[in-house]
Protein backbone atom coordinates (compact mmCIF):
# COMPACT_ATOMS: atom_id res chain seq x y z
CA MET A 1 -13.10 1.57 25.16
CA ALA A 2 -14.37 -1.02 22.67
CA THR A 3 -15.85 0.80 19.68
CA THR A 4 -16.93 -0.83 16.46
CA TYR A 5 -17.27 0.99 13.16
CA ASN A 6 -19.35 0.04 10.16
CA ALA A 7 -17.37 1.93 7.54
CA VAL A 8 -14.11 3.12 9.11
CA ASN A 9 -10.80 1.30 9.63
CA PHE A 10 -7.70 2.76 11.31
CA PHE A 11 -4.10 1.62 10.84
CA THR A 12 -0.69 2.81 12.01
CA GLY A 13 2.17 3.21 9.57
CA ASP A 14 5.40 1.28 10.08
CA GLY A 15 7.53 2.89 7.36
CA THR A 16 7.33 -0.11 4.99
CA THR A 17 3.73 -1.37 4.66
CA LYS A 18 1.83 0.06 1.68
CA VAL A 19 -1.12 -2.36 1.41
CA PHE A 20 -4.00 -2.13 3.91
CA SER A 21 -7.11 -4.32 3.94
CA PHE A 22 -10.41 -2.82 5.02
CA SER A 23 -13.55 -4.58 6.20
CA PHE A 24 -16.52 -2.71 4.73
CA PRO A 25 -18.44 -3.04 1.46
CA TYR A 26 -18.95 -0.11 -0.94
CA LEU A 27 -20.96 0.68 -4.06
CA SER A 28 -18.18 2.43 -5.98
CA LYS A 29 -14.42 2.83 -5.52
CA ASP A 30 -15.04 6.59 -5.53
CA HIS A 31 -16.83 6.16 -2.20
CA VAL A 32 -13.68 4.83 -0.49
CA LYS A 33 -11.61 7.62 1.07
CA VAL A 34 -8.16 7.54 2.69
CA THR A 35 -6.40 9.99 5.00
CA GLN A 36 -2.83 9.78 6.20
CA ALA A 37 -1.87 11.77 9.29
CA GLY A 38 -5.11 13.76 8.82
CA THR A 39 -4.43 14.68 5.18
CA ALA A 40 -6.82 13.47 2.48
CA LEU A 41 -5.16 11.29 -0.17
CA VAL A 42 -6.20 11.24 -3.84
CA GLN A 43 -7.31 8.00 -5.45
CA GLY A 44 -5.26 7.26 -8.58
CA THR A 45 -2.41 9.48 -7.39
CA ASP A 46 -1.76 8.57 -3.75
CA PHE A 47 -3.54 5.21 -3.59
CA SER A 48 -5.40 2.57 -5.56
CA ILE A 49 -8.19 0.19 -4.58
CA THR A 50 -8.53 -3.50 -5.42
CA ASP A 51 -11.52 -5.26 -3.87
CA GLU A 52 -11.14 -4.52 -0.14
CA GLN A 53 -7.51 -3.41 -0.20
CA VAL A 54 -5.93 0.01 -0.46
CA THR A 55 -2.41 0.23 -1.90
CA LEU A 56 -0.60 3.47 -1.12
CA THR A 57 2.01 4.74 -3.58
CA SER A 58 4.45 5.29 -0.72
CA ALA A 59 4.64 3.71 2.72
CA PRO A 60 3.38 5.91 5.56
CA ALA A 61 5.90 7.03 8.16
CA THR A 62 6.19 5.10 11.38
CA SER A 63 3.27 5.96 13.70
CA ALA A 64 1.35 7.86 11.00
CA VAL A 65 -2.38 7.18 11.35
CA ILE A 66 -4.08 5.87 8.21
CA LYS A 67 -7.86 6.12 8.10
CA ILE A 68 -9.77 4.24 5.41
CA TYR A 69 -13.46 4.98 5.30
CA ARG A 70 -16.55 4.92 3.13
CA GLU A 71 -18.37 8.12 2.16
CA THR A 72 -21.51 7.26 0.23
CA PRO A 73 -23.11 10.19 -1.59
CA THR A 74 -26.56 11.26 -0.47
CA SER A 75 -27.59 12.09 -4.04
CA ARG A 76 -29.32 9.17 -5.71
CA VAL A 77 -27.07 6.54 -7.26
CA ILE A 78 -30.08 5.00 -9.04
CA THR A 79 -32.51 7.28 -10.88
CA TRP A 80 -36.06 5.99 -11.14
CA SER A 81 -38.54 7.01 -13.83
CA ASP A 82 -42.03 5.90 -14.85
CA GLY A 83 -42.17 3.17 -17.45
CA ASN A 84 -38.75 1.69 -16.67
CA TYR A 85 -38.26 -1.90 -15.63
CA LEU A 86 -37.72 -2.62 -11.96
CA LEU A 87 -34.47 -4.54 -11.80
CA ALA A 88 -33.52 -6.43 -8.66
CA SER A 89 -29.95 -5.14 -8.92
CA ASN A 90 -31.19 -1.52 -8.96
CA LEU A 91 -33.45 -2.13 -5.96
CA THR A 92 -30.53 -3.72 -4.10
CA THR A 93 -28.20 -0.82 -4.94
CA ASP A 94 -30.82 1.70 -3.83
CA GLN A 95 -31.34 -0.16 -0.55
CA LEU A 96 -27.59 -0.53 0.07
CA GLN A 97 -27.03 3.19 -0.53
CA THR A 98 -29.53 4.00 2.23
CA LEU A 99 -27.99 1.40 4.56
CA TYR A 100 -24.45 2.68 3.97
CA ILE A 101 -25.44 6.29 4.61
CA LEU A 102 -27.05 5.25 7.91
CA GLN A 103 -23.96 3.28 8.94
CA GLU A 104 -21.71 6.23 8.13
CA GLN A 105 -23.85 8.53 10.26
CA GLN A 106 -23.55 6.08 13.16
CA ASP A 107 -19.77 6.10 12.71
CA LEU A 108 -19.67 9.90 12.73
CA ALA A 109 -21.63 9.92 15.98
CA LYS A 110 -19.29 7.37 17.56
CA LEU A 111 -16.16 9.17 16.43
CA ASN A 112 -17.22 12.75 17.16
CA ASN A 113 -19.65 12.79 20.08
CA ILE A 114 -19.76 11.85 23.71
CA ALA A 115 -21.02 8.31 23.78
CA ASP A 116 -21.81 5.48 26.15
CA ASN A 117 -20.24 2.38 24.65
CA GLY A 118 -22.37 0.09 26.75
CA ASP A 119 -19.83 -0.25 29.56
CA GLY A 120 -21.46 2.33 31.84
CA TYR A 121 -19.02 5.15 31.01
CA PHE A 122 -19.33 8.20 28.76
CA TYR A 123 -16.37 8.98 26.52
CA ALA A 124 -15.67 12.52 25.30
CA VAL A 125 -13.38 11.27 22.52
CA ASN A 126 -10.56 13.61 23.59
CA LYS A 127 -12.71 16.73 23.30
CA GLN A 128 -13.52 19.42 25.83
CA ILE A 129 -16.94 19.46 27.43
CA LYS A 130 -18.39 22.99 27.26
CA ASN A 131 -21.33 24.83 28.84
CA VAL A 132 -21.50 22.77 32.04
CA ALA A 133 -23.61 24.31 34.81
CA ASP A 134 -22.24 24.77 38.33
CA PRO A 135 -22.76 21.69 40.51
CA THR A 136 -25.71 21.48 42.89
CA ALA A 137 -25.55 17.86 44.04
CA ASP A 138 -22.73 15.80 45.58
CA GLN A 139 -22.07 13.77 42.40
CA ASP A 140 -22.34 16.64 39.84
CA VAL A 141 -19.50 17.46 37.46
CA VAL A 142 -17.28 20.34 38.57
CA THR A 143 -15.82 22.83 36.11
CA LYS A 144 -12.30 24.23 36.33
CA LYS A 145 -13.65 27.73 37.06
CA TYR A 146 -15.93 26.48 39.82
CA MET A 147 -13.08 24.56 41.44
CA GLU A 148 -10.73 27.54 41.28
CA THR A 149 -13.41 29.81 42.75
CA ALA A 150 -14.39 27.35 45.48
CA SER A 151 -10.78 26.82 46.54
CA ASP A 152 -9.78 30.50 46.03
CA GLY A 153 -7.47 29.70 43.11
């Protein structure tokens, strides 16, 4: 399953590596988040950021999953008011904030929902599929309960 993400990078710990490079831009270091084995890490305590690199204070255990992602706030980064000058840098920041929020929503959909990745298959991303109706056609999906009932357990 080939999935691309706009603002999420995954790594696997090896017990020694503490520096991980990520491949997405951000407006503020506060927007870059890190989890290790599903636990949120704290910037300044558990990790630091330099450009597009995260340095953890301690190396993750072997096979621990490290997730580095961007979480852009939906509250305005730039505040506009009448009579102020329109600066190109403010317009760019405002536009990038909107773009980043959209990219992050796409990532959430890819990571958390059934999706067709363009290869003709739907992926349930290791989640159960609920509320499926009983089959009526030869190629319909069959639920566990329907199968047990049809075959008498």
